[in-house]
Every structure is written in C-alpha cells, then in structure tokens.
Amino acid sequence: MKTSLVTTKGQVTIPASVRHQLGIHQGDRVGFVYENGKVVILPVIKDIKAAFGLVSAAQSASLDDMEQAIQSRGSEL
C-alpha cells in the first residue's frame, strides 16, 4: 500500500506509481468517490470518445424509429 501525508490544507500527493497506473498527469483532474468505507480516486474523462459504452439503454431504437418520433412530435407543435 502506498501512503501520503495530508497537509494543513487537506492536500495529498498521489504517489508516482499510482499516477502512472491511472494515467494521471500534471494538470489532470481526478474524482473522489466514497464507497463502502473506502475512497476511490478516478481520473476524470476528458474525451467524449472515452465515455463510449459507459451507459446502456433499457430499450433500443433504430434511426428510422427516432426520425419517426421526431416528425410526429414536431407535428404536435
């Protein structure tokens, strides 16, 4: 386990080996999540492409279905 001291301002230095494993570089943002009594540090995703596949839909629709829904909704206005 890697350790770090907490400064009077509440700051910590993430050990270099952990930064390397997470791909964190100077100027990057990180997020903190509290789960089951533990703090998890995650790199903040900067590129929208990196988020592809993170969310799944309960129901899918084809492009034709979406176009039809847009047209029917537009005709209601």
PDB file of N, CA and C in Angstrom:
ATOM      1  N   MET A   1       0.854  -1.180   0.000  1.00  0.00           N
ATOM      2  CA  MET A   1       0.000   0.000   0.000  1.00  0.00           C
ATOM      3  C   MET A   1       0.889   1.228   0.000  1.00  0.00           C
ATOM      4  N   LYS A   2       0.573   2.172  -0.872  1.00  0.00           N
ATOM      5  CA  LYS A   2       1.278   3.449  -0.940  1.00  0.00           C
ATOM      6  C   LYS A   2       0.604   4.416   0.026  1.00  0.00           C
ATOM      7  N   THR A   3       1.382   5.289   0.652  1.00  0.00           N
ATOM      8  CA  THR A   3       0.822   6.257   1.595  1.00  0.00           C
ATOM      9  C   THR A   3       1.257   7.663   1.231  1.00  0.00           C
ATOM     10  N   SER A   4       0.548   8.642   1.800  1.00  0.00           N
ATOM     11  CA  SER A   4       0.843  10.045   1.583  1.00  0.00           C
ATOM     12  C   SER A   4       0.359  10.824   2.794  1.00  0.00           C
ATOM     13  N   LEU A   5       1.032  11.921   3.113  1.00  0.00           N
ATOM     14  CA  LEU A   5       0.615  12.777   4.231  1.00  0.00           C
ATOM     15  C   LEU A   5      -0.438  13.773   3.776  1.00  0.00           C
ATOM     16  N   VAL A   6      -1.334  14.143   4.664  1.00  0.00           N
ATOM     17  CA  VAL A   6      -2.334  15.171   4.400  1.00  0.00           C
ATOM     18  C   VAL A   6      -1.789  16.486   4.935  1.00  0.00           C
ATOM     19  N   THR A   7      -1.778  17.538   4.097  1.00  0.00           N
ATOM     20  CA  THR A   7      -1.293  18.847   4.529  1.00  0.00           C
ATOM     21  C   THR A   7      -2.366  19.561   5.332  1.00  0.00           C
ATOM     22  N   THR A   8      -2.012  20.708   5.907  1.00  0.00           N
ATOM     23  CA  THR A   8      -2.979  21.505   6.669  1.00  0.00           C
ATOM     24  C   THR A   8      -4.121  21.999   5.787  1.00  0.00           C
ATOM     25  N   LYS A   9      -3.902  22.043   4.474  1.00  0.00           N
ATOM     26  CA  LYS A   9      -4.951  22.457   3.528  1.00  0.00           C
ATOM     27  C   LYS A   9      -5.766  21.263   3.019  1.00  0.00           C
ATOM     28  N   GLY A  10      -5.482  20.072   3.540  1.00  0.00           N
ATOM     29  CA  GLY A  10      -6.221  18.881   3.115  1.00  0.00           C
ATOM     30  C   GLY A  10      -5.714  18.293   1.811  1.00  0.00           C
ATOM     31  N   GLN A  11      -4.526  18.692   1.393  1.00  0.00           N
ATOM     32  CA  GLN A  11      -3.977  18.202   0.133  1.00  0.00           C
ATOM     33  C   GLN A  11      -3.117  16.961   0.367  1.00  0.00           C
ATOM     34  N   VAL A  12      -3.111  16.091  -0.637  1.00  0.00           N
ATOM     35  CA  VAL A  12      -2.241  14.908  -0.602  1.00  0.00           C
ATOM     36  C   VAL A  12      -1.529  14.797  -1.938  1.00  0.00           C
ATOM     37  N   THR A  13      -0.381  14.160  -1.924  1.00  0.00           N
ATOM     38  CA  THR A  13       0.341  13.873  -3.154  1.00  0.00           C
ATOM     39  C   THR A  13       0.038  12.427  -3.524  1.00  0.00           C
ATOM     40  N   ILE A  14      -0.430  12.216  -4.752  1.00  0.00           N
ATOM     41  CA  ILE A  14      -0.684  10.856  -5.222  1.00  0.00           C
ATOM     42  C   ILE A  14       0.670  10.267  -5.612  1.00  0.00           C
ATOM     43  N   PRO A  15       1.047   9.146  -5.027  1.00  0.00           N
ATOM     44  CA  PRO A  15       2.351   8.552  -5.352  1.00  0.00           C
ATOM     45  C   PRO A  15       2.524   8.334  -6.858  1.00  0.00           C
ATOM     46  N   ALA A  16       3.750   8.521  -7.325  1.00  0.00           N
ATOM     47  CA  ALA A  16       4.044   8.428  -8.758  1.00  0.00           C
ATOM     48  C   ALA A  16       3.599   7.099  -9.362  1.00  0.00           C
ATOM     49  N   SER A  17       3.785   6.003  -8.646  1.00  0.00           N
ATOM     50  CA  SER A  17       3.404   4.697  -9.202  1.00  0.00           C
ATOM     51  C   SER A  17       1.888   4.601  -9.409  1.00  0.00           C
ATOM     52  N   VAL A  18       1.114   5.219  -8.512  1.00  0.00           N
ATOM     53  CA  VAL A  18      -0.356   5.218  -8.644  1.00  0.00           C
ATOM     54  C   VAL A  18      -0.764   6.123  -9.804  1.00  0.00           C
ATOM     55  N   ARG A  19      -0.134   7.309  -9.903  1.00  0.00           N
ATOM     56  CA  ARG A  19      -0.432   8.211 -11.028  1.00  0.00           C
ATOM     57  C   ARG A  19      -0.152   7.515 -12.351  1.00  0.00           C
ATOM     58  N   HIS A  20       0.936   6.784 -12.406  1.00  0.00           N
ATOM     59  CA  HIS A  20       1.295   6.069 -13.636  1.00  0.00           C
ATOM     60  C   HIS A  20       0.243   5.009 -13.975  1.00  0.00           C
ATOM     61  N   GLN A  21      -0.178   4.232 -12.974  1.00  0.00           N
ATOM     62  CA  GLN A  21      -1.183   3.182 -13.203  1.00  0.00           C
ATOM     63  C   GLN A  21      -2.507   3.762 -13.680  1.00  0.00           C
ATOM     64  N   LEU A  22      -2.872   4.958 -13.174  1.00  0.00           N
ATOM     65  CA  LEU A  22      -4.139   5.588 -13.554  1.00  0.00           C
ATOM     66  C   LEU A  22      -4.018   6.467 -14.796  1.00  0.00           C
ATOM     67  N   GLY A  23      -2.796   6.691 -15.256  1.00  0.00           N
ATOM     68  CA  GLY A  23      -2.595   7.555 -16.414  1.00  0.00           C
ATOM     69  C   GLY A  23      -2.846   9.018 -16.084  1.00  0.00           C
ATOM     70  N   ILE A  24      -2.569   9.407 -14.851  1.00  0.00           N
ATOM     71  CA  ILE A  24      -2.788  10.787 -14.405  1.00  0.00           C
ATOM     72  C   ILE A  24      -1.502  11.581 -14.611  1.00  0.00           C
ATOM     73  N   HIS A  25      -1.645  12.770 -15.209  1.00  0.00           N
ATOM     74  CA  HIS A  25      -0.505  13.645 -15.473  1.00  0.00           C
ATOM     75  C   HIS A  25      -0.756  15.021 -14.861  1.00  0.00           C
ATOM     76  N   GLN A  26       0.291  15.826 -14.780  1.00  0.00           N
ATOM     77  CA  GLN A  26       0.164  17.179 -14.241  1.00  0.00           C
ATOM     78  C   GLN A  26      -0.944  17.936 -14.966  1.00  0.00           C
ATOM     79  N   GLY A  27      -1.818  18.578 -14.204  1.00  0.00           N
ATOM     80  CA  GLY A  27      -2.923  19.344 -14.774  1.00  0.00           C
ATOM     81  C   GLY A  27      -4.197  18.543 -14.976  1.00  0.00           C
ATOM     82  N   ASP A  28      -4.137  17.214 -14.855  1.00  0.00           N
ATOM     83  CA  ASP A  28      -5.342  16.387 -14.989  1.00  0.00           C
ATOM     84  C   ASP A  28      -6.223  16.559 -13.758  1.00  0.00           C
ATOM     85  N   ARG A  29      -7.508  16.297 -13.934  1.00  0.00           N
ATOM     86  CA  ARG A  29      -8.446  16.341 -12.827  1.00  0.00           C
ATOM     87  C   ARG A  29      -8.741  14.915 -12.376  1.00  0.00           C
ATOM     88  N   VAL A  30      -8.992  14.759 -11.080  1.00  0.00           N
ATOM     89  CA  VAL A  30      -9.368  13.458 -10.543  1.00  0.00           C
ATOM     90  C   VAL A  30     -10.666  13.605  -9.759  1.00  0.00           C
ATOM     91  N   GLY A  31     -11.398  12.520  -9.658  1.00  0.00           N
ATOM     92  CA  GLY A  31     -12.628  12.489  -8.887  1.00  0.00           C
ATOM     93  C   GLY A  31     -12.467  11.568  -7.691  1.00  0.00           C
ATOM     94  N   PHE A  32     -13.239  11.839  -6.642  1.00  0.00           N
ATOM     95  CA  PHE A  32     -13.194  11.032  -5.428  1.00  0.00           C
ATOM     96  C   PHE A  32     -14.575  10.468  -5.165  1.00  0.00           C
ATOM     97  N   VAL A  33     -14.655   9.174  -4.946  1.00  0.00           N
ATOM     98  CA  VAL A  33     -15.920   8.504  -4.664  1.00  0.00           C
ATOM     99  C   VAL A  33     -15.755   7.755  -3.347  1.00  0.00           C
ATOM    100  N   TYR A  34     -16.718   7.899  -2.451  1.00  0.00           N
ATOM    101  CA  TYR A  34     -16.703   7.185  -1.176  1.00  0.00           C
ATOM    102  C   TYR A  34     -17.604   5.973  -1.316  1.00  0.00           C
ATOM    103  N   GLU A  35     -17.017   4.768  -1.233  1.00  0.00           N
ATOM    104  CA  GLU A  35     -17.768   3.521  -1.402  1.00  0.00           C
ATOM    105  C   GLU A  35     -17.401   2.531  -0.298  1.00  0.00           C
ATOM    106  N   ASN A  36     -18.381   2.087   0.429  1.00  0.00           N
ATOM    107  CA  ASN A  36     -18.181   1.028   1.424  1.00  0.00           C
ATOM    108  C   ASN A  36     -16.995   1.302   2.351  1.00  0.00           C
ATOM    109  N   GLY A  37     -16.910   2.524   2.864  1.00  0.00           N
ATOM    110  CA  GLY A  37     -15.855   2.875   3.799  1.00  0.00           C
ATOM    111  C   GLY A  37     -14.496   3.126   3.168  1.00  0.00           C
ATOM    112  N   LYS A  38     -14.436   3.194   1.843  1.00  0.00           N
ATOM    113  CA  LYS A  38     -13.175   3.439   1.144  1.00  0.00           C
ATOM    114  C   LYS A  38     -13.325   4.624   0.208  1.00  0.00           C
ATOM    115  N   VAL A  39     -12.227   5.334  -0.027  1.00  0.00           N
ATOM    116  CA  VAL A  39     -12.219   6.414  -1.005  1.00  0.00           C
ATOM    117  C   VAL A  39     -11.565   5.887  -2.272  1.00  0.00           C
ATOM    118  N   VAL A  40     -12.244   6.058  -3.393  1.00  0.00           N
ATOM    119  CA  VAL A  40     -11.733   5.624  -4.685  1.00  0.00           C
ATOM    120  C   VAL A  40     -11.374   6.879  -5.482  1.00  0.00           C
ATOM    121  N   ILE A  41     -10.155   6.917  -6.032  1.00  0.00           N
ATOM    122  CA  ILE A  41      -9.710   8.038  -6.858  1.00  0.00           C
ATOM    123  C   ILE A  41      -9.804   7.614  -8.313  1.00  0.00           C
ATOM    124  N   LEU A  42     -10.483   8.438  -9.127  1.00  0.00           N
ATOM    125  CA  LEU A  42     -10.666   8.126 -10.536  1.00  0.00           C
ATOM    126  C   LEU A  42     -10.216   9.294 -11.394  1.00  0.00           C
ATOM    127  N   PRO A  43      -9.542   9.029 -12.505  1.00  0.00           N
ATOM    128  CA  PRO A  43      -9.218  10.126 -13.415  1.00  0.00           C
ATOM    129  C   PRO A  43     -10.503  10.613 -14.077  1.00  0.00           C
ATOM    130  N   VAL A  44     -10.629  11.924 -14.253  1.00  0.00           N
ATOM    131  CA  VAL A  44     -11.803  12.494 -14.916  1.00  0.00           C
ATOM    132  C   VAL A  44     -11.598  12.354 -16.421  1.00  0.00           C
ATOM    133  N   ILE A  45     -12.598  11.801 -17.099  1.00  0.00           N
ATOM    134  CA  ILE A  45     -12.520  11.580 -18.544  1.00  0.00           C
ATOM    135  C   ILE A  45     -12.652  12.913 -19.252  1.00  0.00           C
ATOM    136  N   LYS A  46     -11.680  13.219 -20.114  1.00  0.00           N
ATOM    137  CA  LYS A  46     -11.691  14.487 -20.842  1.00  0.00           C
ATOM    138  C   LYS A  46     -12.266  14.345 -22.241  1.00  0.00           C
ATOM    139  N   ASP A  47     -12.182  13.172 -22.809  1.00  0.00           N
ATOM    140  CA  ASP A  47     -12.570  12.950 -24.186  1.00  0.00           C
ATOM    141  C   ASP A  47     -13.907  12.219 -24.237  1.00  0.00           C
ATOM    142  N   ILE A  48     -14.864  12.757 -24.940  1.00  0.00           N
ATOM    143  CA  ILE A  48     -16.193  12.153 -25.018  1.00  0.00           C
ATOM    144  C   ILE A  48     -16.112  10.733 -25.587  1.00  0.00           C
ATOM    145  N   LYS A  49     -15.136  10.469 -26.458  1.00  0.00           N
ATOM    146  CA  LYS A  49     -14.985   9.129 -27.032  1.00  0.00           C
ATOM    147  C   LYS A  49     -14.656   8.103 -25.944  1.00  0.00           C
ATOM    148  N   ALA A  50     -13.970   8.553 -24.903  1.00  0.00           N
ATOM    149  CA  ALA A  50     -13.597   7.639 -23.823  1.00  0.00           C
ATOM    150  C   ALA A  50     -14.815   7.188 -23.023  1.00  0.00           C
ATOM    151  N   ALA A  51     -15.912   7.939 -23.101  1.00  0.00           N
ATOM    152  CA  ALA A  51     -17.122   7.601 -22.364  1.00  0.00           C
ATOM    153  C   ALA A  51     -18.019   6.629 -23.142  1.00  0.00           C
ATOM    154  N   PHE A  52     -17.668   6.331 -24.395  1.00  0.00           N
ATOM    155  CA  PHE A  52     -18.497   5.451 -25.212  1.00  0.00           C
ATOM    156  C   PHE A  52     -18.675   4.104 -24.539  1.00  0.00           C
ATOM    157  N   GLY A  53     -19.923   3.672 -24.407  1.00  0.00           N
ATOM    158  CA  GLY A  53     -20.227   2.372 -23.839  1.00  0.00           C
ATOM    159  C   GLY A  53     -20.444   2.366 -22.337  1.00  0.00           C
ATOM    160  N   LEU A  54     -20.273   3.512 -21.677  1.00  0.00           N
ATOM    161  CA  LEU A  54     -20.467   3.561 -20.231  1.00  0.00           C
ATOM    162  C   LEU A  54     -21.938   3.486 -19.840  1.00  0.00           C
ATOM    163  N   VAL A  55     -22.812   3.935 -20.731  1.00  0.00           N
ATOM    164  CA  VAL A  55     -24.248   3.954 -20.449  1.00  0.00           C
ATOM    165  C   VAL A  55     -24.943   3.018 -21.427  1.00  0.00           C
ATOM    166  N   SER A  56     -25.842   2.207 -20.905  1.00  0.00           N
ATOM    167  CA  SER A  56     -26.612   1.344 -21.787  1.00  0.00           C
ATOM    168  C   SER A  56     -28.091   1.668 -21.629  1.00  0.00           C
ATOM    169  N   ALA A  57     -28.815   1.516 -22.714  1.00  0.00           N
ATOM    170  CA  ALA A  57     -30.244   1.825 -22.721  1.00  0.00           C
ATOM    171  C   ALA A  57     -31.047   0.566 -22.415  1.00  0.00           C
ATOM    172  N   ALA A  58     -32.163   0.756 -21.735  1.00  0.00           N
ATOM    173  CA  ALA A  58     -33.042  -0.365 -21.434  1.00  0.00           C
ATOM    174  C   ALA A  58     -33.756  -0.827 -22.705  1.00  0.00           C
ATOM    175  N   GLN A  59     -33.904   0.106 -23.652  1.00  0.00           N
ATOM    176  CA  GLN A  59     -34.610  -0.194 -24.897  1.00  0.00           C
ATOM    177  C   GLN A  59     -33.874   0.522 -26.028  1.00  0.00           C
ATOM    178  N   SER A  60     -33.710  -0.136 -27.159  1.00  0.00           N
ATOM    179  CA  SER A  60     -33.021   0.497 -28.281  1.00  0.00           C
ATOM    180  C   SER A  60     -34.030   0.927 -29.335  1.00  0.00           C
ATOM    181  N   ALA A  61     -33.582   1.832 -30.211  1.00  0.00           N
ATOM    182  CA  ALA A  61     -34.436   2.315 -31.298  1.00  0.00           C
ATOM    183  C   ALA A  61     -33.576   2.491 -32.536  1.00  0.00           C
ATOM    184  N   SER A  62     -34.160   2.214 -33.693  1.00  0.00           N
ATOM    185  CA  SER A  62     -33.433   2.395 -34.947  1.00  0.00           C
ATOM    186  C   SER A  62     -33.470   3.871 -35.340  1.00  0.00           C
ATOM    187  N   LEU A  63     -32.644   4.244 -36.302  1.00  0.00           N
ATOM    188  CA  LEU A  63     -32.657   5.620 -36.793  1.00  0.00           C
ATOM    189  C   LEU A  63     -34.024   5.970 -37.381  1.00  0.00           C
ATOM    190  N   ASP A  64     -34.646   5.016 -38.068  1.00  0.00           N
ATOM    191  CA  ASP A  64     -35.987   5.252 -38.631  1.00  0.00           C
ATOM    192  C   ASP A  64     -36.996   5.513 -37.517  1.00  0.00           C
ATOM    193  N   ASP A  65     -36.918   4.736 -36.420  1.00  0.00           N
ATOM    194  CA  ASP A  65     -37.822   4.951 -35.280  1.00  0.00           C
ATOM    195  C   ASP A  65     -37.630   6.338 -34.688  1.00  0.00           C
ATOM    196  N   MET A  66     -36.383   6.754 -34.553  1.00  0.00           N
ATOM    197  CA  MET A  66     -36.101   8.075 -33.988  1.00  0.00           C
ATOM    198  C   MET A  66     -36.605   9.185 -34.903  1.00  0.00           C
ATOM    199  N   GLU A  67     -36.364   9.041 -36.197  1.00  0.00           N
ATOM    200  CA  GLU A  67     -36.831  10.045 -37.160  1.00  0.00           C
ATOM    201  C   GLU A  67     -38.354  10.148 -37.137  1.00  0.00           C
ATOM    202  N   GLN A  68     -39.015   9.013 -37.045  1.00  0.00           N
ATOM    203  CA  GLN A  68     -40.476   8.984 -36.994  1.00  0.00           C
ATOM    204  C   GLN A  68     -40.983   9.679 -35.732  1.00  0.00           C
ATOM    205  N   ALA A  69     -40.333   9.428 -34.606  1.00  0.00           N
ATOM    206  CA  ALA A  69     -40.717  10.065 -33.345  1.00  0.00           C
ATOM    207  C   ALA A  69     -40.519  11.572 -33.412  1.00  0.00           C
ATOM    208  N   ILE A  70     -39.431  12.014 -34.030  1.00  0.00           N
ATOM    209  CA  ILE A  70     -39.171  13.442 -34.160  1.00  0.00           C
ATOM    210  C   ILE A  70     -40.234  14.095 -35.035  1.00  0.00           C
ATOM    211  N   GLN A  71     -40.553  13.444 -36.147  1.00  0.00           N
ATOM    212  CA  GLN A  71     -41.563  14.008 -37.044  1.00  0.00           C
ATOM    213  C   GLN A  71     -42.931  14.055 -36.391  1.00  0.00           C
ATOM    214  N   SER A  72     -43.321  13.018 -35.669  1.00  0.00           N
ATOM    215  CA  SER A  72     -44.646  13.006 -35.048  1.00  0.00           C
ATOM    216  C   SER A  72     -44.711  14.042 -33.925  1.00  0.00           C
ATOM    217  N   ARG A  73     -43.638  14.201 -33.180  1.00  0.00           N
ATOM    218  CA  ARG A  73     -43.596  15.200 -32.113  1.00  0.00           C
ATOM    219  C   ARG A  73     -43.621  16.615 -32.696  1.00  0.00           C
ATOM    220  N   GLY A  74     -42.927  16.809 -33.819  1.00  0.00           N
ATOM    221  CA  GLY A  74     -42.897  18.118 -34.479  1.00  0.00           C
ATOM    222  C   GLY A  74     -44.268  18.517 -35.001  1.00  0.00           C
ATOM    223  N   SER A  75     -45.052  17.552 -35.441  1.00  0.00           N
ATOM    224  CA  SER A  75     -46.372  17.870 -35.982  1.00  0.00           C
ATOM    225  C   SER A  75     -47.363  18.241 -34.875  1.00  0.00           C
ATOM    226  N   GLU A  76     -47.045  17.926 -33.610  1.00  0.00           N
ATOM    227  CA  GLU A  76     -47.911  18.263 -32.496  1.00  0.00           C
ATOM    228  C   GLU A  76     -47.794  19.727 -32.092  1.00  0.00           C
ATOM    229  N   LEU A  77     -46.707  20.377 -32.498  1.00  0.00           N
ATOM    230  CA  LEU A  77     -46.470  21.775 -32.073  1.00  0.00           C
ATOM    231  C   LEU A  77     -47.266  22.759 -32.854  1.00  0.00           C
TER     232      LEU A  77
END
